[in-house]
Amino acid sequence: MKHLIPYLAILFVIIYAFYNAGVQHPDKKQKKITSAYKKHVEEHTGTHAEEELSRIHTVAYAKAYIINVIKHGSQQFDFPGGEMEGGFIPPKDAPKVACYVLSLSGQKCREPYPEDAAMFYTSVCAGCHGTDGKGLGGSYPDLTHKPLLGIKKREDFLNTTLQR
């Protein structure tokens, strides 16, 4: 009986594989479409690239971009000072600092940034980007540049994608 156990196990695996191949075939699975997705499809008029390009120069887009860089870092530039790692500012404070950064280039968020945003920026970001946000001698990005370099790079990519 002990000698039959490995053969029975192999037979069980083969039978189970045939069962899965017949019963759970990918073409036979029903995909669930949520009401939110249906609404998105109905409202969607162009490609995602066109949609993103239509809002790429808005304050909301720039704020979201800055928050993303604060949280996750930026590994897309080859600045002499090196790349920025994310997580130097708590995620809950990232929107405050993003609004402060936007104010350095004369842009404003809908909601004003609290006073502690300037303190966070000065203590965490100003060492590389300067107190005025203009960067330090080209070693780090100028945060007053319109659009920000990462947004310009994204815009170029989207335009290239649409030209194909």
N, C-alpha and C. Protein backbone atom coordinates (compact mmCIF):
# COMPACT_ATOMS: atom_id res chain seq x y z
N MET A 1 0.82 -1.19 0.00
CA MET A 1 0.00 0.00 0.00
C MET A 1 0.86 1.25 0.00
N LYS A 2 1.99 1.24 0.74
CA LYS A 2 2.86 2.39 0.80
C LYS A 2 3.40 2.76 -0.58
N HIS A 3 3.60 1.79 -1.42
CA HIS A 3 4.15 2.02 -2.75
C HIS A 3 3.13 2.65 -3.69
N LEU A 4 1.87 2.50 -3.38
CA LEU A 4 0.82 3.06 -4.23
C LEU A 4 0.55 4.54 -3.97
N ILE A 5 0.92 5.05 -2.80
CA ILE A 5 0.61 6.44 -2.44
C ILE A 5 1.21 7.44 -3.42
N PRO A 6 2.49 7.34 -3.81
CA PRO A 6 3.01 8.31 -4.78
C PRO A 6 2.26 8.25 -6.13
N TYR A 7 1.91 7.05 -6.57
CA TYR A 7 1.19 6.93 -7.84
C TYR A 7 -0.22 7.51 -7.74
N LEU A 8 -0.86 7.30 -6.61
CA LEU A 8 -2.19 7.86 -6.40
C LEU A 8 -2.13 9.39 -6.35
N ALA A 9 -1.09 9.92 -5.73
CA ALA A 9 -0.92 11.37 -5.66
C ALA A 9 -0.74 11.95 -7.06
N ILE A 10 0.08 11.31 -7.88
CA ILE A 10 0.30 11.77 -9.26
C ILE A 10 -1.00 11.68 -10.06
N LEU A 11 -1.73 10.58 -9.89
CA LEU A 11 -3.01 10.41 -10.58
C LEU A 11 -3.99 11.50 -10.16
N PHE A 12 -4.02 11.81 -8.86
CA PHE A 12 -4.91 12.86 -8.36
C PHE A 12 -4.56 14.21 -8.99
N VAL A 13 -3.27 14.54 -9.07
CA VAL A 13 -2.83 15.81 -9.67
C VAL A 13 -3.23 15.88 -11.13
N ILE A 14 -3.07 14.79 -11.87
CA ILE A 14 -3.43 14.76 -13.30
C ILE A 14 -4.94 14.95 -13.48
N ILE A 15 -5.72 14.24 -12.68
CA ILE A 15 -7.18 14.38 -12.77
C ILE A 15 -7.59 15.81 -12.43
N TYR A 16 -7.00 16.39 -11.40
CA TYR A 16 -7.32 17.76 -11.01
C TYR A 16 -6.94 18.75 -12.12
N ALA A 17 -5.81 18.53 -12.77
CA ALA A 17 -5.39 19.41 -13.87
C ALA A 17 -6.38 19.36 -15.02
N PHE A 18 -6.83 18.16 -15.39
CA PHE A 18 -7.83 18.04 -16.46
C PHE A 18 -9.15 18.69 -16.05
N TYR A 19 -9.52 18.55 -14.80
CA TYR A 19 -10.74 19.17 -14.30
C TYR A 19 -10.64 20.69 -14.43
N ASN A 20 -9.54 21.27 -13.99
CA ASN A 20 -9.36 22.72 -14.08
C ASN A 20 -9.32 23.19 -15.52
N ALA A 21 -8.70 22.44 -16.38
CA ALA A 21 -8.62 22.82 -17.79
C ALA A 21 -10.00 22.86 -18.42
N GLY A 22 -10.86 21.96 -18.02
CA GLY A 22 -12.19 21.90 -18.62
C GLY A 22 -13.20 22.81 -17.96
N VAL A 23 -13.15 22.91 -16.65
CA VAL A 23 -14.15 23.67 -15.91
C VAL A 23 -13.79 25.14 -15.78
N GLN A 24 -12.55 25.44 -15.51
CA GLN A 24 -12.15 26.81 -15.27
C GLN A 24 -11.34 27.38 -16.43
N HIS A 25 -11.74 27.14 -17.61
CA HIS A 25 -11.05 27.66 -18.78
C HIS A 25 -11.18 29.18 -18.79
N PRO A 26 -10.09 29.92 -19.10
CA PRO A 26 -10.16 31.38 -19.06
C PRO A 26 -11.27 31.97 -19.92
N ASP A 27 -11.57 31.36 -21.06
CA ASP A 27 -12.61 31.89 -21.93
C ASP A 27 -14.00 31.72 -21.32
N LYS A 28 -14.14 30.78 -20.42
CA LYS A 28 -15.44 30.49 -19.84
C LYS A 28 -15.74 31.35 -18.61
N LYS A 29 -14.72 32.04 -18.05
CA LYS A 29 -14.93 32.86 -16.87
C LYS A 29 -15.69 34.13 -17.23
N GLN A 30 -16.63 34.48 -16.41
CA GLN A 30 -17.37 35.72 -16.58
C GLN A 30 -16.60 36.83 -15.88
N LYS A 31 -16.36 37.93 -16.60
CA LYS A 31 -15.70 39.06 -15.97
C LYS A 31 -16.77 39.96 -15.37
N LYS A 32 -16.53 40.38 -14.14
CA LYS A 32 -17.47 41.27 -13.46
C LYS A 32 -17.12 42.71 -13.78
N ILE A 33 -18.10 43.45 -14.21
CA ILE A 33 -17.91 44.86 -14.53
C ILE A 33 -18.70 45.67 -13.50
N THR A 34 -17.98 46.51 -12.77
CA THR A 34 -18.63 47.29 -11.72
C THR A 34 -19.37 48.48 -12.33
N SER A 35 -20.28 49.04 -11.56
CA SER A 35 -21.03 50.21 -12.04
C SER A 35 -20.11 51.41 -12.19
N ALA A 36 -19.09 51.53 -11.35
CA ALA A 36 -18.13 52.63 -11.47
C ALA A 36 -17.36 52.52 -12.79
N TYR A 37 -16.99 51.31 -13.16
CA TYR A 37 -16.27 51.12 -14.42
C TYR A 37 -17.19 51.42 -15.60
N LYS A 38 -18.43 50.98 -15.54
CA LYS A 38 -19.39 51.27 -16.61
C LYS A 38 -19.55 52.78 -16.78
N LYS A 39 -19.65 53.51 -15.67
CA LYS A 39 -19.79 54.96 -15.72
C LYS A 39 -18.54 55.59 -16.35
N HIS A 40 -17.37 55.10 -15.98
CA HIS A 40 -16.11 55.61 -16.54
C HIS A 40 -16.07 55.41 -18.05
N VAL A 41 -16.48 54.24 -18.51
CA VAL A 41 -16.48 53.94 -19.94
C VAL A 41 -17.46 54.84 -20.68
N GLU A 42 -18.62 55.07 -20.10
CA GLU A 42 -19.62 55.93 -20.73
C GLU A 42 -19.14 57.38 -20.85
N GLU A 43 -18.44 57.86 -19.83
CA GLU A 43 -17.97 59.25 -19.83
C GLU A 43 -16.68 59.42 -20.61
N HIS A 44 -15.98 58.36 -20.87
CA HIS A 44 -14.68 58.40 -21.52
C HIS A 44 -14.83 58.72 -23.00
N THR A 45 -14.24 59.83 -23.42
CA THR A 45 -14.38 60.23 -24.83
C THR A 45 -13.12 60.02 -25.65
N GLY A 46 -11.96 60.07 -25.02
CA GLY A 46 -10.71 59.91 -25.75
C GLY A 46 -9.86 58.84 -25.11
N THR A 47 -8.60 58.80 -25.50
CA THR A 47 -7.68 57.84 -24.90
C THR A 47 -7.26 58.36 -23.53
N HIS A 48 -6.70 57.48 -22.75
CA HIS A 48 -6.22 57.89 -21.43
C HIS A 48 -5.11 58.91 -21.56
N ALA A 49 -4.28 58.78 -22.57
CA ALA A 49 -3.19 59.73 -22.80
C ALA A 49 -3.76 61.11 -23.11
N GLU A 50 -4.77 61.17 -23.96
CA GLU A 50 -5.40 62.46 -24.29
C GLU A 50 -6.04 63.08 -23.05
N GLU A 51 -6.68 62.24 -22.27
CA GLU A 51 -7.33 62.71 -21.04
C GLU A 51 -6.30 63.27 -20.07
N GLU A 52 -5.19 62.57 -19.90
CA GLU A 52 -4.15 63.05 -18.99
C GLU A 52 -3.52 64.33 -19.50
N LEU A 53 -3.28 64.41 -20.81
CA LEU A 53 -2.71 65.63 -21.39
C LEU A 53 -3.62 66.84 -21.20
N SER A 54 -4.92 66.61 -21.19
CA SER A 54 -5.85 67.73 -21.04
C SER A 54 -5.77 68.37 -19.65
N ARG A 55 -5.23 67.65 -18.68
CA ARG A 55 -5.16 68.21 -17.33
C ARG A 55 -3.73 68.30 -16.80
N ILE A 56 -2.74 68.08 -17.66
CA ILE A 56 -1.36 68.00 -17.19
C ILE A 56 -0.81 69.34 -16.70
N HIS A 57 -1.38 70.45 -17.14
CA HIS A 57 -0.89 71.76 -16.72
C HIS A 57 -1.76 72.40 -15.65
N THR A 58 -2.53 71.59 -14.95
CA THR A 58 -3.37 72.12 -13.88
C THR A 58 -2.63 72.05 -12.54
N VAL A 59 -3.07 72.87 -11.62
CA VAL A 59 -2.49 72.86 -10.28
C VAL A 59 -2.75 71.52 -9.60
N ALA A 60 -3.93 70.96 -9.82
CA ALA A 60 -4.26 69.67 -9.20
C ALA A 60 -3.31 68.57 -9.68
N TYR A 61 -2.97 68.58 -10.97
CA TYR A 61 -2.05 67.57 -11.51
C TYR A 61 -0.66 67.76 -10.89
N ALA A 62 -0.19 69.01 -10.83
CA ALA A 62 1.13 69.29 -10.26
C ALA A 62 1.17 68.89 -8.79
N LYS A 63 0.09 69.18 -8.06
CA LYS A 63 0.04 68.81 -6.64
C LYS A 63 0.12 67.28 -6.49
N ALA A 64 -0.66 66.56 -7.29
CA ALA A 64 -0.64 65.09 -7.22
C ALA A 64 0.75 64.55 -7.57
N TYR A 65 1.40 65.16 -8.55
CA TYR A 65 2.75 64.74 -8.94
C TYR A 65 3.73 64.95 -7.78
N ILE A 66 3.68 66.12 -7.15
CA ILE A 66 4.59 66.43 -6.05
C ILE A 66 4.35 65.48 -4.88
N ILE A 67 3.08 65.23 -4.56
CA ILE A 67 2.76 64.30 -3.48
C ILE A 67 3.33 62.92 -3.78
N ASN A 68 3.21 62.47 -5.01
CA ASN A 68 3.74 61.17 -5.40
C ASN A 68 5.26 61.12 -5.23
N VAL A 69 5.95 62.18 -5.62
CA VAL A 69 7.41 62.22 -5.48
C VAL A 69 7.79 62.24 -4.00
N ILE A 70 7.05 63.01 -3.20
CA ILE A 70 7.35 63.06 -1.77
C ILE A 70 7.19 61.67 -1.15
N LYS A 71 6.14 60.96 -1.51
CA LYS A 71 5.87 59.66 -0.93
C LYS A 71 6.80 58.56 -1.46
N HIS A 72 7.07 58.59 -2.79
CA HIS A 72 7.77 57.46 -3.41
C HIS A 72 9.14 57.79 -3.97
N GLY A 73 9.51 59.05 -4.01
CA GLY A 73 10.80 59.44 -4.55
C GLY A 73 10.74 59.64 -6.06
N SER A 74 11.89 60.00 -6.61
CA SER A 74 11.96 60.23 -8.04
C SER A 74 13.25 59.61 -8.56
N GLN A 75 13.10 58.64 -9.42
CA GLN A 75 14.26 57.98 -10.00
C GLN A 75 14.32 58.21 -11.51
N GLN A 76 13.86 59.38 -11.96
CA GLN A 76 13.79 59.59 -13.39
C GLN A 76 14.79 60.62 -13.92
N PHE A 77 15.53 61.25 -13.03
CA PHE A 77 16.49 62.27 -13.45
C PHE A 77 17.89 61.82 -13.10
N ASP A 78 18.84 62.38 -13.81
CA ASP A 78 20.23 62.03 -13.54
C ASP A 78 20.95 63.28 -13.04
N PHE A 79 20.46 63.83 -11.93
CA PHE A 79 21.08 65.03 -11.38
C PHE A 79 22.36 64.66 -10.65
N PRO A 80 23.35 65.56 -10.70
CA PRO A 80 24.62 65.28 -10.02
C PRO A 80 24.45 64.97 -8.54
N GLY A 81 23.45 65.57 -7.89
CA GLY A 81 23.24 65.34 -6.46
C GLY A 81 22.64 64.00 -6.14
N GLY A 82 22.18 63.28 -7.15
CA GLY A 82 21.58 61.97 -6.93
C GLY A 82 20.07 62.02 -6.99
N GLU A 83 19.47 60.89 -6.81
CA GLU A 83 18.01 60.78 -6.89
C GLU A 83 17.39 60.94 -5.51
N MET A 84 16.15 61.38 -5.50
CA MET A 84 15.44 61.58 -4.24
C MET A 84 14.72 60.30 -3.85
N GLU A 85 14.89 59.90 -2.63
CA GLU A 85 14.14 58.77 -2.09
C GLU A 85 12.86 59.31 -1.49
N GLY A 86 11.84 58.50 -1.45
CA GLY A 86 10.59 58.91 -0.86
C GLY A 86 10.55 58.66 0.64
N GLY A 87 9.54 59.24 1.28
CA GLY A 87 9.29 58.95 2.67
C GLY A 87 9.96 59.86 3.68
N PHE A 88 10.55 60.97 3.23
CA PHE A 88 11.17 61.88 4.20
C PHE A 88 10.14 62.66 4.98
N ILE A 89 8.94 62.78 4.42
CA ILE A 89 7.84 63.50 5.06
C ILE A 89 6.70 62.51 5.25
N PRO A 90 6.04 62.53 6.39
CA PRO A 90 4.91 61.61 6.59
C PRO A 90 3.85 61.79 5.50
N PRO A 91 3.27 60.70 5.00
CA PRO A 91 2.28 60.79 3.91
C PRO A 91 1.14 61.76 4.19
N LYS A 92 0.71 61.87 5.44
CA LYS A 92 -0.40 62.78 5.75
C LYS A 92 0.01 64.25 5.59
N ASP A 93 1.30 64.54 5.64
CA ASP A 93 1.78 65.92 5.51
C ASP A 93 2.22 66.25 4.08
N ALA A 94 2.28 65.26 3.21
CA ALA A 94 2.72 65.48 1.84
C ALA A 94 1.86 66.52 1.10
N PRO A 95 0.52 66.50 1.22
CA PRO A 95 -0.28 67.53 0.54
C PRO A 95 0.04 68.95 1.00
N LYS A 96 0.34 69.12 2.27
CA LYS A 96 0.70 70.45 2.79
C LYS A 96 1.97 70.95 2.11
N VAL A 97 2.98 70.09 2.09
CA VAL A 97 4.26 70.47 1.50
C VAL A 97 4.11 70.70 0.00
N ALA A 98 3.29 69.89 -0.66
CA ALA A 98 3.06 70.07 -2.09
C ALA A 98 2.48 71.45 -2.36
N CYS A 99 1.53 71.89 -1.55
CA CYS A 99 0.96 73.23 -1.73
C CYS A 99 2.00 74.31 -1.47
N TYR A 100 2.86 74.08 -0.50
CA TYR A 100 3.93 75.05 -0.25
C TYR A 100 4.88 75.11 -1.44
N VAL A 101 5.25 73.96 -1.98
CA VAL A 101 6.15 73.92 -3.15
C VAL A 101 5.50 74.66 -4.33
N LEU A 102 4.22 74.45 -4.55
CA LEU A 102 3.52 75.15 -5.63
C LEU A 102 3.54 76.66 -5.41
N SER A 103 3.46 77.08 -4.14
CA SER A 103 3.48 78.52 -3.87
C SER A 103 4.83 79.15 -4.23
N LEU A 104 5.89 78.37 -4.22
CA LEU A 104 7.21 78.89 -4.58
C LEU A 104 7.26 79.34 -6.05
N SER A 105 6.39 78.75 -6.88
CA SER A 105 6.35 79.14 -8.30
C SER A 105 5.13 80.02 -8.60
N GLY A 106 4.47 80.51 -7.55
CA GLY A 106 3.35 81.41 -7.74
C GLY A 106 2.01 80.73 -7.96
N GLN A 107 1.96 79.43 -7.83
CA GLN A 107 0.70 78.70 -8.00
C GLN A 107 0.05 78.52 -6.62
N LYS A 108 -1.25 78.32 -6.63
CA LYS A 108 -1.96 78.17 -5.36
C LYS A 108 -2.86 76.94 -5.41
N CYS A 109 -2.89 76.25 -4.29
CA CYS A 109 -3.83 75.15 -4.11
C CYS A 109 -5.19 75.74 -3.73
N ARG A 110 -6.22 74.93 -3.86
CA ARG A 110 -7.56 75.38 -3.44
C ARG A 110 -7.57 75.76 -1.97
N GLU A 111 -6.99 74.88 -1.18
CA GLU A 111 -6.93 75.14 0.26
C GLU A 111 -5.55 75.69 0.57
N PRO A 112 -5.45 76.72 1.41
CA PRO A 112 -4.14 77.26 1.75
C PRO A 112 -3.34 76.25 2.57
N TYR A 113 -2.04 76.29 2.41
CA TYR A 113 -1.21 75.36 3.18
C TYR A 113 -1.04 75.90 4.60
N PRO A 114 -0.98 75.01 5.57
CA PRO A 114 -0.78 75.45 6.95
C PRO A 114 0.66 75.92 7.17
N GLU A 115 0.86 76.65 8.24
CA GLU A 115 2.19 77.20 8.53
C GLU A 115 3.25 76.13 8.67
N ASP A 116 2.88 74.96 9.19
CA ASP A 116 3.89 73.93 9.39
C ASP A 116 4.41 73.35 8.08
N ALA A 117 3.74 73.62 6.97
CA ALA A 117 4.22 73.14 5.67
C ALA A 117 5.56 73.79 5.33
N ALA A 118 5.69 75.09 5.60
CA ALA A 118 6.96 75.78 5.34
C ALA A 118 8.06 75.19 6.23
N MET A 119 7.71 74.85 7.47
CA MET A 119 8.68 74.26 8.37
C MET A 119 9.15 72.90 7.85
N PHE A 120 8.19 72.06 7.38
CA PHE A 120 8.55 70.76 6.82
C PHE A 120 9.47 70.95 5.61
N TYR A 121 9.09 71.86 4.72
CA TYR A 121 9.89 72.10 3.51
C TYR A 121 11.30 72.54 3.90
N THR A 122 11.39 73.54 4.79
CA THR A 122 12.69 74.08 5.18
C THR A 122 13.57 73.02 5.84
N SER A 123 12.97 72.20 6.69
CA SER A 123 13.78 71.22 7.41
C SER A 123 14.12 69.98 6.59
N VAL A 124 13.29 69.63 5.60
CA VAL A 124 13.51 68.39 4.87
C VAL A 124 13.98 68.64 3.43
N CYS A 125 13.40 69.60 2.75
CA CYS A 125 13.62 69.77 1.30
C CYS A 125 14.64 70.84 0.95
N ALA A 126 14.69 71.90 1.76
CA ALA A 126 15.50 73.07 1.40
C ALA A 126 16.99 72.76 1.33
N GLY A 127 17.44 71.73 2.02
CA GLY A 127 18.86 71.37 1.97
C GLY A 127 19.34 71.06 0.56
N CYS A 128 18.45 70.54 -0.28
CA CYS A 128 18.81 70.22 -1.67
C CYS A 128 18.18 71.19 -2.67
N HIS A 129 16.96 71.61 -2.39
CA HIS A 129 16.25 72.46 -3.35
C HIS A 129 16.36 73.94 -3.04
N GLY A 130 16.96 74.30 -1.91
CA GLY A 130 17.11 75.70 -1.52
C GLY A 130 15.83 76.22 -0.90
N THR A 131 15.97 77.26 -0.08
CA THR A 131 14.80 77.82 0.58
C THR A 131 13.84 78.45 -0.41
N ASP A 132 14.37 78.87 -1.57
CA ASP A 132 13.51 79.47 -2.60
C ASP A 132 13.01 78.44 -3.61
N GLY A 133 13.45 77.18 -3.49
CA GLY A 133 13.01 76.11 -4.37
C GLY A 133 13.72 76.05 -5.71
N LYS A 134 14.72 76.87 -5.93
CA LYS A 134 15.38 76.94 -7.23
C LYS A 134 16.51 75.92 -7.40
N GLY A 135 16.71 75.05 -6.44
CA GLY A 135 17.76 74.04 -6.56
C GLY A 135 19.09 74.64 -6.17
N LEU A 136 20.06 73.81 -6.02
CA LEU A 136 21.39 74.28 -5.62
C LEU A 136 22.38 74.07 -6.75
N GLY A 137 22.58 75.11 -7.53
CA GLY A 137 23.58 75.09 -8.59
C GLY A 137 23.40 73.98 -9.62
N GLY A 138 22.19 73.60 -9.92
CA GLY A 138 21.94 72.56 -10.92
C GLY A 138 22.14 71.14 -10.41
N SER A 139 22.49 71.01 -9.14
CA SER A 139 22.67 69.67 -8.58
C SER A 139 21.34 68.99 -8.28
N TYR A 140 20.32 69.80 -8.03
CA TYR A 140 18.99 69.29 -7.73
C TYR A 140 17.96 70.08 -8.53
N PRO A 141 16.80 69.51 -8.80
CA PRO A 141 15.81 70.19 -9.64
C PRO A 141 15.29 71.49 -9.04
N ASP A 142 14.98 72.42 -9.94
CA ASP A 142 14.35 73.69 -9.62
C ASP A 142 12.86 73.43 -9.47
N LEU A 143 12.33 73.61 -8.27
CA LEU A 143 10.92 73.34 -8.02
C LEU A 143 10.01 74.49 -8.43
N THR A 144 10.61 75.59 -8.91
CA THR A 144 9.80 76.71 -9.38
C THR A 144 9.61 76.66 -10.89
N HIS A 145 10.26 75.72 -11.53
CA HIS A 145 10.17 75.56 -12.99
C HIS A 145 8.75 75.19 -13.38
N LYS A 146 8.22 75.84 -14.42
CA LYS A 146 6.87 75.51 -14.90
C LYS A 146 6.99 74.96 -16.31
N PRO A 147 6.51 73.79 -16.58
CA PRO A 147 6.08 72.78 -15.62
C PRO A 147 7.30 72.15 -14.96
N LEU A 148 7.05 71.44 -13.88
CA LEU A 148 8.13 70.72 -13.22
C LEU A 148 8.73 69.72 -14.20
N LEU A 149 10.00 69.42 -14.05
CA LEU A 149 10.70 68.56 -15.02
C LEU A 149 10.04 67.20 -15.18
N GLY A 150 9.58 66.62 -14.10
CA GLY A 150 8.92 65.31 -14.19
C GLY A 150 7.62 65.39 -14.98
N ILE A 151 6.89 66.49 -14.82
CA ILE A 151 5.65 66.67 -15.57
C ILE A 151 5.97 66.90 -17.04
N LYS A 152 7.01 67.66 -17.34
CA LYS A 152 7.42 67.89 -18.73
C LYS A 152 7.84 66.57 -19.38
N LYS A 153 8.56 65.76 -18.64
CA LYS A 153 8.98 64.45 -19.15
C LYS A 153 7.77 63.58 -19.43
N ARG A 154 6.78 63.59 -18.55
CA ARG A 154 5.54 62.82 -18.74
C ARG A 154 4.78 63.33 -19.95
N GLU A 155 4.71 64.65 -20.10
CA GLU A 155 4.00 65.25 -21.24
C GLU A 155 4.66 64.83 -22.56
N ASP A 156 5.98 64.87 -22.61
CA ASP A 156 6.70 64.44 -23.82
C ASP A 156 6.40 62.97 -24.13
N PHE A 157 6.39 62.13 -23.10
CA PHE A 157 6.09 60.71 -23.29
C PHE A 157 4.67 60.53 -23.84
N LEU A 158 3.70 61.22 -23.26
CA LEU A 158 2.31 61.08 -23.71
C LEU A 158 2.15 61.57 -25.15
N ASN A 159 2.80 62.68 -25.49
CA ASN A 159 2.72 63.16 -26.86
C ASN A 159 3.33 62.18 -27.85
N THR A 160 4.45 61.58 -27.46
CA THR A 160 5.07 60.56 -28.31
C THR A 160 4.16 59.36 -28.47
N THR A 161 3.50 58.96 -27.40
CA THR A 161 2.57 57.83 -27.44
C THR A 161 1.43 58.09 -28.39
N LEU A 162 0.92 59.32 -28.39
CA LEU A 162 -0.22 59.66 -29.25
C LEU A 162 0.17 59.74 -30.72
N GLN A 163 1.44 60.03 -31.00
CA GLN A 163 1.89 60.15 -32.38
C GLN A 163 2.07 58.81 -33.06
N ARG A 164 2.10 57.75 -32.31
CA ARG A 164 2.33 56.42 -32.89
C ARG A 164 1.14 55.95 -33.64
